[in-house]
Amino acid sequence: MTCADLMTRDPVCCIPTDSASRVAKIMKTEDVGSLPVCEGRHSRKLVGIVTDRDLALHVVAEGRDATSTSAQDVMTRAPITCSPEDDLEKAIDAMQRHQVRRIPVVDQSGQLTGIISQADIATRAHESEKTAETVEEISRPSIVRAA
C-alpha cells in the first residue's frame, strides 16, 4: 500500500498570514486537528503545519491575541513529509520516529497533495497490530533531561 492509497486527498490548508483565530475556525469547520500551511491562496507549496496543540500552547497558554498572531508565528516549519509513491510503511515509521499524528503528502516539487493521519491508519489500513504499534510509538512520552 502506498501513501496515495491511504491519504486524504487535497486537504484544506491555510496560509502563513492567516490569523490563529482563522486557523482555529477552519479546524472547527473541517473537523480536523491540524492544517497544512501553504505558500499562498493559489499555491499548494507546503511551508509548514499548524496543529490544535500549537494553538493551545503557543497562543492560548502564552496569552497571545488570536486575531493578531499568525499561522507563521506558531507553525512547525519544514514538517516531516512523505510522497504519494512512498510505501505506507515509510510514512508510519516517520510518524513513529518523530512522534507526529499527521504527515503531509507532497509531490516532488513540494506541492501538497494529501495528508495521512493516525486516524486514517486506524480506519483504513486494516492492520490492527500496526495501528496499535503506531499509536503507542506516537504517544510515548519524550525523555526530558534535567538541566
Protein backbone atom coordinates (compact mmCIF):
# COMPACT_ATOMS: atom_id res chain seq x y z
CA MET A 1 0.00 0.00 0.00
CA THR A 2 1.33 3.46 -0.88
CA CYS A 3 0.76 6.79 0.82
CA ALA A 4 -1.50 7.79 -2.09
CA ASP A 5 -3.73 4.79 -1.35
CA LEU A 6 -4.42 5.90 2.21
CA MET A 7 -4.10 9.69 2.23
CA THR A 8 -6.92 12.18 2.43
CA ARG A 9 -6.63 13.98 -0.90
CA ASP A 10 -6.45 17.76 -1.31
CA PRO A 11 -6.75 18.69 2.36
CA VAL A 12 -7.83 22.18 3.26
CA CYS A 13 -4.91 24.42 4.14
CA CYS A 14 -4.20 27.91 5.40
CA ILE A 15 -1.55 30.48 4.51
CA PRO A 16 1.22 31.86 6.74
CA THR A 17 -0.53 35.21 7.29
CA ASP A 18 -3.88 33.72 8.38
CA SER A 19 -4.66 34.57 11.98
CA ALA A 20 -4.64 31.89 14.67
CA SER A 21 -8.33 32.64 15.08
CA ARG A 22 -9.00 31.89 11.40
CA VAL A 23 -6.91 28.70 11.60
CA ALA A 24 -8.94 27.52 14.63
CA LYS A 25 -12.22 28.29 12.84
CA ILE A 26 -11.13 26.29 9.79
CA MET A 27 -10.13 23.39 12.05
CA LYS A 28 -13.56 23.51 13.68
CA THR A 29 -15.46 23.71 10.39
CA GLU A 30 -13.41 20.94 8.77
CA ASP A 31 -13.29 18.84 11.98
CA VAL A 32 -9.50 18.43 11.78
CA GLY A 33 -6.69 18.70 14.33
CA SER A 34 -4.12 20.22 12.00
CA LEU A 35 -3.84 22.41 8.95
CA PRO A 36 -1.05 22.33 6.42
CA VAL A 37 0.28 25.83 5.75
CA CYS A 38 0.73 26.56 2.05
CA GLU A 39 2.72 29.38 0.49
CA GLY A 40 -0.29 31.33 -0.80
CA ARG A 41 -4.00 31.20 -1.59
CA HIS A 42 -3.32 29.86 -5.09
CA SER A 43 -0.26 27.80 -4.26
CA ARG A 44 -0.22 24.37 -2.65
CA LYS A 45 3.52 24.55 -1.86
CA LEU A 46 3.84 23.31 1.71
CA VAL A 47 5.73 25.61 4.09
CA GLY A 48 4.54 24.32 7.47
CA ILE A 49 1.81 22.79 9.58
CA VAL A 50 -0.27 24.11 12.49
CA THR A 51 -1.86 21.74 14.99
CA ASP A 52 -4.54 22.27 17.58
CA ARG A 53 -1.78 21.69 20.14
CA ASP A 54 0.27 24.54 18.60
CA LEU A 55 -2.71 26.85 19.08
CA ALA A 56 -3.24 25.71 22.68
CA LEU A 57 0.42 26.02 23.70
CA HIS A 58 1.63 28.99 21.66
CA VAL A 59 -1.49 31.15 21.55
CA VAL A 60 -3.81 30.33 24.45
CA ALA A 61 -1.25 29.30 27.09
CA GLU A 62 1.03 32.22 26.23
CA GLY A 63 -1.87 34.69 26.39
CA ARG A 64 -1.40 35.85 22.80
CA ASP A 65 -4.14 37.55 20.84
CA ALA A 66 -5.59 35.01 18.39
CA THR A 67 -6.54 37.71 15.89
CA SER A 68 -3.06 39.24 15.67
CA THR A 69 -1.00 36.06 15.99
CA SER A 70 -0.49 34.47 12.58
CA ALA A 71 -0.09 30.87 11.48
CA GLN A 72 3.57 31.55 10.66
CA ASP A 73 4.13 32.58 14.30
CA VAL A 74 3.10 29.17 15.65
CA MET A 75 3.53 26.69 12.77
CA THR A 76 6.10 23.95 12.51
CA ARG A 77 8.31 24.87 9.57
CA ALA A 78 9.52 22.17 7.20
CA PRO A 79 7.34 19.41 8.67
CA ILE A 80 8.07 15.72 8.22
CA THR A 81 6.50 14.66 4.91
CA CYS A 82 6.16 11.70 2.60
CA SER A 83 5.47 11.39 -1.12
CA PRO A 84 2.42 9.78 -2.73
CA GLU A 85 4.60 6.98 -4.13
CA ASP A 86 6.21 6.12 -0.78
CA ASP A 87 5.29 2.81 0.79
CA LEU A 88 2.85 3.44 3.64
CA GLU A 89 5.29 1.72 5.99
CA LYS A 90 7.79 4.56 5.39
CA ALA A 91 5.21 7.17 6.46
CA ILE A 92 4.21 5.15 9.52
CA ASP A 93 7.86 4.76 10.52
CA ALA A 94 8.39 8.53 10.17
CA MET A 95 5.28 9.24 12.26
CA GLN A 96 6.53 6.90 14.99
CA ARG A 97 10.13 8.17 14.92
CA HIS A 98 9.12 11.84 15.08
CA GLN A 99 6.03 11.26 17.27
CA VAL A 100 3.63 13.09 14.95
CA ARG A 101 -0.02 12.21 14.47
CA ARG A 102 -0.27 13.61 10.95
CA ILE A 103 2.06 13.67 7.97
CA PRO A 104 1.54 15.82 4.87
CA VAL A 105 1.97 14.14 1.50
CA VAL A 106 3.83 16.25 -1.07
CA ASP A 107 4.91 15.65 -4.64
CA GLN A 108 8.49 16.06 -5.89
CA SER A 109 8.03 19.83 -6.26
CA GLY A 110 6.78 20.26 -2.68
CA GLN A 111 3.12 20.67 -3.62
CA LEU A 112 0.64 19.40 -1.03
CA THR A 113 -1.39 16.50 -2.45
CA GLY A 114 -2.75 14.92 0.72
CA ILE A 115 -2.34 14.17 4.40
CA ILE A 116 -2.20 10.97 6.41
CA SER A 117 -3.41 10.99 10.00
CA GLN A 118 -3.20 8.46 12.78
CA ALA A 119 -6.97 8.04 12.32
CA ASP A 120 -6.50 7.23 8.62
CA ILE A 121 -4.17 4.40 9.59
CA ALA A 122 -6.60 3.16 12.23
CA THR A 123 -9.67 3.22 9.98
CA ARG A 124 -8.31 2.41 6.53
CA ALA A 125 -5.13 0.35 6.83
CA HIS A 126 -6.90 -2.74 8.20
CA GLU A 127 -3.82 -3.74 10.19
CA SER A 128 -4.84 -3.63 13.84
CA GLU A 129 -1.41 -4.67 15.11
CA LYS A 130 0.32 -1.90 13.11
CA THR A 131 -2.30 0.61 14.28
CA ALA A 132 -1.72 -0.27 17.93
CA GLU A 133 2.05 -0.04 17.50
CA THR A 134 1.77 3.33 15.74
CA VAL A 135 -0.48 4.82 18.44
CA GLU A 136 1.87 3.53 21.15
CA GLU A 137 5.01 4.94 19.50
CA ILE A 138 3.47 8.30 18.65
CA SER A 139 2.10 8.68 22.18
CA ARG A 140 5.27 7.64 24.01
CA PRO A 141 6.39 10.45 26.35
CA SER A 142 9.56 12.21 25.29
CA ILE A 143 12.52 11.88 27.60
CA VAL A 144 13.06 15.14 29.47
CA ARG A 145 16.59 15.72 30.64
CA ALA A 146 17.39 17.75 33.72
CA ALA A 147 19.42 20.90 33.13
